């Protein structure tokens, strides 16, 4: 099974993304993102096979000094995979670039799935992964519509195995709350 390191939104701003899950889920046989039982996220690295200890250590080390950060989303887009994947496009930020670079400094990017290597990576928050063929044209039309920009705070990082999603380790971003 594949593995990933991601940032997640586990706060009220996540609704800006999960609201699109409902909209695009109606174009799928079953709402793929809601069915994951996993919060809105951006995958920074994906591996087809990797040692879970290295994955966990890299995630922890890469995020131990990073505060929660806000990403602004201004557009929707899609990938044509075996099935249509609809996604929200964040404005590329320094925090996003630096966090992915830190992961790639710790784990050789050649181990990453090709679409997640630094030269190919397109940051995105997936909204739908299995649009039915009969709804493909409608979904693509929806991605062309102008959306009201929105902001999402990403406050948790994790490493996980999928599908189904099994979180291996996660950490809250920002200062630890120690007494």
C-alpha atoms as a PDB file:
ATOM      1  CA  UNK A   1       0.000   0.000   0.000  1.00  0.00           C
ATOM      2  CA  UNK A   2       1.182   3.569  -0.627  1.00  0.00           C
ATOM      3  CA  UNK A   3       2.279   5.996   2.077  1.00  0.00           C
ATOM      4  CA  UNK A   4       2.108   9.785   2.344  1.00  0.00           C
ATOM      5  CA  UNK A   5       3.186  12.762   4.393  1.00  0.00           C
ATOM      6  CA  UNK A   6       0.482  15.418   4.499  1.00  0.00           C
ATOM      7  CA  UNK A   7      -0.643  18.593   6.184  1.00  0.00           C
ATOM      8  CA  UNK A   8      -4.242  18.638   7.386  1.00  0.00           C
ATOM      9  CA  UNK A   9      -6.817  21.146   8.510  1.00  0.00           C
ATOM     10  CA  UNK A  10      -8.532  20.032  11.707  1.00  0.00           C
ATOM     11  CA  UNK A  11     -10.268  23.276  12.578  1.00  0.00           C
ATOM     12  CA  UNK A  12     -13.331  25.248  11.474  1.00  0.00           C
ATOM     13  CA  UNK A  13     -11.599  26.555   8.317  1.00  0.00           C
ATOM     14  CA  UNK A  14     -11.584  22.996   6.924  1.00  0.00           C
ATOM     15  CA  UNK A  15     -15.261  23.436   6.038  1.00  0.00           C
ATOM     16  CA  UNK A  16     -14.235  25.621   3.109  1.00  0.00           C
ATOM     17  CA  UNK A  17     -12.764  22.512   1.460  1.00  0.00           C
ATOM     18  CA  UNK A  18     -15.153  19.860   2.765  1.00  0.00           C
ATOM     19  CA  UNK A  19     -18.067  21.922   1.426  1.00  0.00           C
ATOM     20  CA  UNK A  20     -16.730  21.242  -2.062  1.00  0.00           C
ATOM     21  CA  UNK A  21     -16.652  17.524  -1.239  1.00  0.00           C
ATOM     22  CA  UNK A  22     -20.446  17.605  -1.138  1.00  0.00           C
ATOM     23  CA  UNK A  23     -20.702  19.600  -4.353  1.00  0.00           C
ATOM     24  CA  UNK A  24     -18.393  17.328  -6.337  1.00  0.00           C
ATOM     25  CA  UNK A  25     -19.408  14.175  -4.460  1.00  0.00           C
ATOM     26  CA  UNK A  26     -22.754  14.478  -6.218  1.00  0.00           C
ATOM     27  CA  UNK A  27     -20.878  13.783  -9.478  1.00  0.00           C
ATOM     28  CA  UNK A  28     -19.378  10.551  -8.151  1.00  0.00           C
ATOM     29  CA  UNK A  29     -20.975   7.161  -7.618  1.00  0.00           C
ATOM     30  CA  UNK A  30     -20.121   7.712  -3.928  1.00  0.00           C
ATOM     31  CA  UNK A  31     -18.548  10.825  -2.367  1.00  0.00           C
ATOM     32  CA  UNK A  32     -14.911   9.681  -2.392  1.00  0.00           C
ATOM     33  CA  UNK A  33     -13.420  12.283  -0.061  1.00  0.00           C
ATOM     34  CA  UNK A  34     -16.068  12.071   2.660  1.00  0.00           C
ATOM     35  CA  UNK A  35     -15.781   8.270   2.533  1.00  0.00           C
ATOM     36  CA  UNK A  36     -12.086   8.459   3.479  1.00  0.00           C
ATOM     37  CA  UNK A  37     -12.934   9.610   7.019  1.00  0.00           C
ATOM     38  CA  UNK A  38      -9.852  11.851   6.791  1.00  0.00           C
ATOM     39  CA  UNK A  39      -9.750  15.669   7.016  1.00  0.00           C
ATOM     40  CA  UNK A  40      -9.027  18.135   4.214  1.00  0.00           C
ATOM     41  CA  UNK A  41      -5.336  17.888   3.405  1.00  0.00           C
ATOM     42  CA  UNK A  42      -2.476  18.514   1.021  1.00  0.00           C
ATOM     43  CA  UNK A  43      -0.133  15.619   0.351  1.00  0.00           C
ATOM     44  CA  UNK A  44       3.492  16.736   0.325  1.00  0.00           C
ATOM     45  CA  UNK A  45       5.102  13.402  -0.512  1.00  0.00           C
ATOM     46  CA  UNK A  46       3.844   9.976  -1.584  1.00  0.00           C
ATOM     47  CA  UNK A  47       5.764   6.715  -1.637  1.00  0.00           C
ATOM     48  CA  UNK A  48       4.738   3.363  -3.056  1.00  0.00           C
ATOM     49  CA  UNK A  49       6.922   1.639  -0.452  1.00  0.00           C
ATOM     50  CA  UNK A  50       8.974   3.018   2.429  1.00  0.00           C
ATOM     51  CA  UNK A  51      10.084   2.051   5.913  1.00  0.00           C
ATOM     52  CA  UNK A  52       7.412   3.300   8.340  1.00  0.00           C
ATOM     53  CA  UNK A  53      10.070   4.286  10.896  1.00  0.00           C
ATOM     54  CA  UNK A  54      11.839   6.531   8.376  1.00  0.00           C
ATOM     55  CA  UNK A  55       8.499   7.983   7.278  1.00  0.00           C
ATOM     56  CA  UNK A  56       7.447   8.720  10.860  1.00  0.00           C
ATOM     57  CA  UNK A  57      10.827  10.170  11.860  1.00  0.00           C
ATOM     58  CA  UNK A  58      10.910  12.379   8.765  1.00  0.00           C
ATOM     59  CA  UNK A  59       7.413  13.697   9.363  1.00  0.00           C
ATOM     60  CA  UNK A  60       8.148  14.477  13.016  1.00  0.00           C
ATOM     61  CA  UNK A  61      11.514  16.128  12.301  1.00  0.00           C
ATOM     62  CA  UNK A  62      10.207  18.118   9.336  1.00  0.00           C
ATOM     63  CA  UNK A  63       7.335  19.668  11.284  1.00  0.00           C
ATOM     64  CA  UNK A  64       8.646  20.017  14.836  1.00  0.00           C
ATOM     65  CA  UNK A  65       9.380  23.743  14.445  1.00  0.00           C
ATOM     66  CA  UNK A  66       6.626  24.733  12.026  1.00  0.00           C
ATOM     67  CA  UNK A  67       3.647  26.775  13.146  1.00  0.00           C
ATOM     68  CA  UNK A  68       0.181  26.348  11.661  1.00  0.00           C
ATOM     69  CA  UNK A  69      -0.070  28.247   8.417  1.00  0.00           C
ATOM     70  CA  UNK A  70      -2.822  29.604   6.211  1.00  0.00           C
ATOM     71  CA  UNK A  71      -3.152  28.848   2.524  1.00  0.00           C
ATOM     72  CA  UNK A  72      -5.350  30.834   0.182  1.00  0.00           C
ATOM     73  CA  UNK A  73      -7.273  28.971  -2.507  1.00  0.00           C
ATOM     74  CA  UNK A  74      -8.365  30.910  -5.576  1.00  0.00           C
ATOM     75  CA  UNK A  75      -9.225  28.311  -8.211  1.00  0.00           C
ATOM     76  CA  UNK A  76     -10.332  24.763  -8.924  1.00  0.00           C
ATOM     77  CA  UNK A  77      -8.671  22.436 -11.381  1.00  0.00           C
ATOM     78  CA  UNK A  78      -8.466  18.779 -12.384  1.00  0.00           C
ATOM     79  CA  UNK A  79      -6.106  15.964 -13.277  1.00  0.00           C
ATOM     80  CA  UNK A  80      -7.054  13.378 -15.839  1.00  0.00           C
ATOM     81  CA  UNK A  81      -5.949  10.192 -14.143  1.00  0.00           C
ATOM     82  CA  UNK A  82      -7.605   6.882 -14.846  1.00  0.00           C
ATOM     83  CA  UNK A  83     -10.566   8.738 -13.331  1.00  0.00           C
ATOM     84  CA  UNK A  84     -11.056  12.494 -13.135  1.00  0.00           C
ATOM     85  CA  UNK A  85      -9.592  14.085  -9.975  1.00  0.00           C
ATOM     86  CA  UNK A  86     -10.980  17.503  -9.000  1.00  0.00           C
ATOM     87  CA  UNK A  87      -8.931  19.731  -6.701  1.00  0.00           C
ATOM     88  CA  UNK A  88      -8.633  23.163  -5.115  1.00  0.00           C
ATOM     89  CA  UNK A  89      -5.466  25.064  -5.993  1.00  0.00           C
ATOM     90  CA  UNK A  90      -3.630  26.837  -3.188  1.00  0.00           C
ATOM     91  CA  UNK A  91      -1.563  29.906  -3.884  1.00  0.00           C
ATOM     92  CA  UNK A  92       1.974  28.550  -3.732  1.00  0.00           C
ATOM     93  CA  UNK A  93       3.492  29.841  -0.488  1.00  0.00           C
ATOM     94  CA  UNK A  94       6.941  29.882   1.065  1.00  0.00           C
ATOM     95  CA  UNK A  95       5.706  27.651   3.911  1.00  0.00           C
ATOM     96  CA  UNK A  96       4.396  25.076   1.480  1.00  0.00           C
ATOM     97  CA  UNK A  97       7.565  25.113  -0.623  1.00  0.00           C
ATOM     98  CA  UNK A  98       9.825  24.907   2.429  1.00  0.00           C
ATOM     99  CA  UNK A  99       7.939  22.056   4.088  1.00  0.00           C
ATOM    100  CA  UNK A 100       8.046  19.914   0.976  1.00  0.00           C
ATOM    101  CA  UNK A 101      11.731  20.754   0.487  1.00  0.00           C
ATOM    102  CA  UNK A 102      12.501  19.698   4.064  1.00  0.00           C
ATOM    103  CA  UNK A 103      10.868  16.301   3.500  1.00  0.00           C
ATOM    104  CA  UNK A 104      12.845  15.861   0.290  1.00  0.00           C
ATOM    105  CA  UNK A 105      16.035  16.806   2.125  1.00  0.00           C
ATOM    106  CA  UNK A 106      15.432  13.952   4.571  1.00  0.00           C
ATOM    107  CA  UNK A 107      14.143  11.305   2.126  1.00  0.00           C
ATOM    108  CA  UNK A 108      15.583  10.978  -1.364  1.00  0.00           C
ATOM    109  CA  UNK A 109      12.999  12.407  -3.794  1.00  0.00           C
ATOM    110  CA  UNK A 110      13.781   9.528  -6.172  1.00  0.00           C
ATOM    111  CA  UNK A 111      11.847   7.317  -3.731  1.00  0.00           C
ATOM    112  CA  UNK A 112       8.766   9.516  -4.158  1.00  0.00           C
ATOM    113  CA  UNK A 113       5.979   8.683  -6.576  1.00  0.00           C
ATOM    114  CA  UNK A 114       6.775  10.559  -9.837  1.00  0.00           C
ATOM    115  CA  UNK A 115       3.920  13.106  -9.493  1.00  0.00           C
ATOM    116  CA  UNK A 116       5.188  14.094  -6.024  1.00  0.00           C
ATOM    117  CA  UNK A 117       8.835  14.677  -6.897  1.00  0.00           C
ATOM    118  CA  UNK A 118       9.875  18.336  -6.525  1.00  0.00           C
ATOM    119  CA  UNK A 119       9.979  19.054 -10.253  1.00  0.00           C
ATOM    120  CA  UNK A 120       6.496  17.575 -10.844  1.00  0.00           C
ATOM    121  CA  UNK A 121       4.600  18.319  -7.622  1.00  0.00           C
ATOM    122  CA  UNK A 122       1.403  20.322  -7.957  1.00  0.00           C
ATOM    123  CA  UNK A 123       0.092  21.297  -4.504  1.00  0.00           C
ATOM    124  CA  UNK A 124      -3.618  20.567  -4.259  1.00  0.00           C
ATOM    125  CA  UNK A 125      -6.469  19.724  -1.943  1.00  0.00           C
ATOM    126  CA  UNK A 126      -8.436  16.907  -3.537  1.00  0.00           C
ATOM    127  CA  UNK A 127     -12.205  17.473  -3.782  1.00  0.00           C
ATOM    128  CA  UNK A 128     -13.242  14.343  -5.713  1.00  0.00           C
ATOM    129  CA  UNK A 129     -11.350  11.286  -6.945  1.00  0.00           C
ATOM    130  CA  UNK A 130     -13.933   9.264  -8.813  1.00  0.00           C
ATOM    131  CA  UNK A 131     -16.170  11.431 -10.964  1.00  0.00           C
ATOM    132  CA  UNK A 132     -18.280   9.099 -13.078  1.00  0.00           C
ATOM    133  CA  UNK A 133     -17.639   9.143 -16.839  1.00  0.00           C
ATOM    134  CA  UNK A 134     -21.156  10.466 -17.449  1.00  0.00           C
ATOM    135  CA  UNK A 135     -20.440  13.462 -15.156  1.00  0.00           C
ATOM    136  CA  UNK A 136     -16.946  14.239 -16.458  1.00  0.00           C
ATOM    137  CA  UNK A 137     -17.945  17.166 -18.703  1.00  0.00           C
ATOM    138  CA  UNK A 138     -20.077  18.737 -15.950  1.00  0.00           C
ATOM    139  CA  UNK A 139     -17.246  18.406 -13.418  1.00  0.00           C
ATOM    140  CA  UNK A 140     -14.740  20.017 -15.779  1.00  0.00           C
ATOM    141  CA  UNK A 141     -17.199  22.880 -16.416  1.00  0.00           C
ATOM    142  CA  UNK A 142     -17.484  23.445 -12.648  1.00  0.00           C
ATOM    143  CA  UNK A 143     -13.699  23.719 -12.332  1.00  0.00           C
ATOM    144  CA  UNK A 144     -13.727  26.521 -14.911  1.00  0.00           C
ATOM    145  CA  UNK A 145     -16.118  28.659 -12.848  1.00  0.00           C
ATOM    146  CA  UNK A 146     -14.711  31.501 -10.792  1.00  0.00           C
ATOM    147  CA  UNK A 147     -14.819  30.757  -7.083  1.00  0.00           C
ATOM    148  CA  UNK A 148     -14.703  33.119  -4.146  1.00  0.00           C
ATOM    149  CA  UNK A 149     -11.196  32.867  -2.724  1.00  0.00           C
ATOM    150  CA  UNK A 150     -11.020  31.204   0.679  1.00  0.00           C
ATOM    151  CA  UNK A 151      -8.378  30.525   3.294  1.00  0.00           C
ATOM    152  CA  UNK A 152      -7.686  27.344   5.222  1.00  0.00           C
ATOM    153  CA  UNK A 153      -5.448  26.953   8.258  1.00  0.00           C
ATOM    154  CA  UNK A 154      -3.332  23.803   8.195  1.00  0.00           C
ATOM    155  CA  UNK A 155      -2.578  22.869  11.792  1.00  0.00           C
ATOM    156  CA  UNK A 156      -1.622  19.168  11.792  1.00  0.00           C
ATOM    157  CA  UNK A 157       0.917  17.063   9.889  1.00  0.00           C
ATOM    158  CA  UNK A 158       0.853  13.296   9.590  1.00  0.00           C
ATOM    159  CA  UNK A 159       2.187  10.280   7.817  1.00  0.00           C
ATOM    160  CA  UNK A 160      -0.257   7.615   6.761  1.00  0.00           C
ATOM    161  CA  UNK A 161      -0.782   4.470   4.755  1.00  0.00           C
ATOM    162  CA  UNK A 162      -3.753   4.328   2.377  1.00  0.00           C
ATOM    163  CA  UNK A 163      -6.475   3.041   1.292  1.00  0.00           C
ATOM    164  CA  UNK A 164      -8.081   2.766   3.699  1.00  0.00           C
ATOM    165  CA  UNK A 165      -6.301   5.585   5.496  1.00  0.00           C
ATOM    166  CA  UNK A 166      -4.286   4.455   8.506  1.00  0.00           C
ATOM    167  CA  UNK A 167      -2.531   7.298  10.295  1.00  0.00           C
ATOM    168  CA  UNK A 168       0.882   6.112  11.461  1.00  0.00           C
ATOM    169  CA  UNK A 169       1.847   9.267  13.344  1.00  0.00           C
ATOM    170  CA  UNK A 170       0.631  12.842  13.528  1.00  0.00           C
ATOM    171  CA  UNK A 171       1.739  16.054  15.182  1.00  0.00           C
ATOM    172  CA  UNK A 172       0.069  19.364  15.858  1.00  0.00           C
ATOM    173  CA  UNK A 173       1.905  22.283  14.330  1.00  0.00           C
ATOM    174  CA  UNK A 174       3.101  25.043  16.609  1.00  0.00           C
ATOM    175  CA  UNK A 175       4.493  25.229  20.106  1.00  0.00           C
ATOM    176  CA  UNK A 176       3.815  22.190  22.267  1.00  0.00           C
ATOM    177  CA  UNK A 177       1.549  22.732  25.213  1.00  0.00           C
ATOM    178  CA  UNK A 178       3.769  21.572  28.042  1.00  0.00           C
ATOM    179  CA  UNK A 179       3.184  22.534  31.635  1.00  0.00           C
END
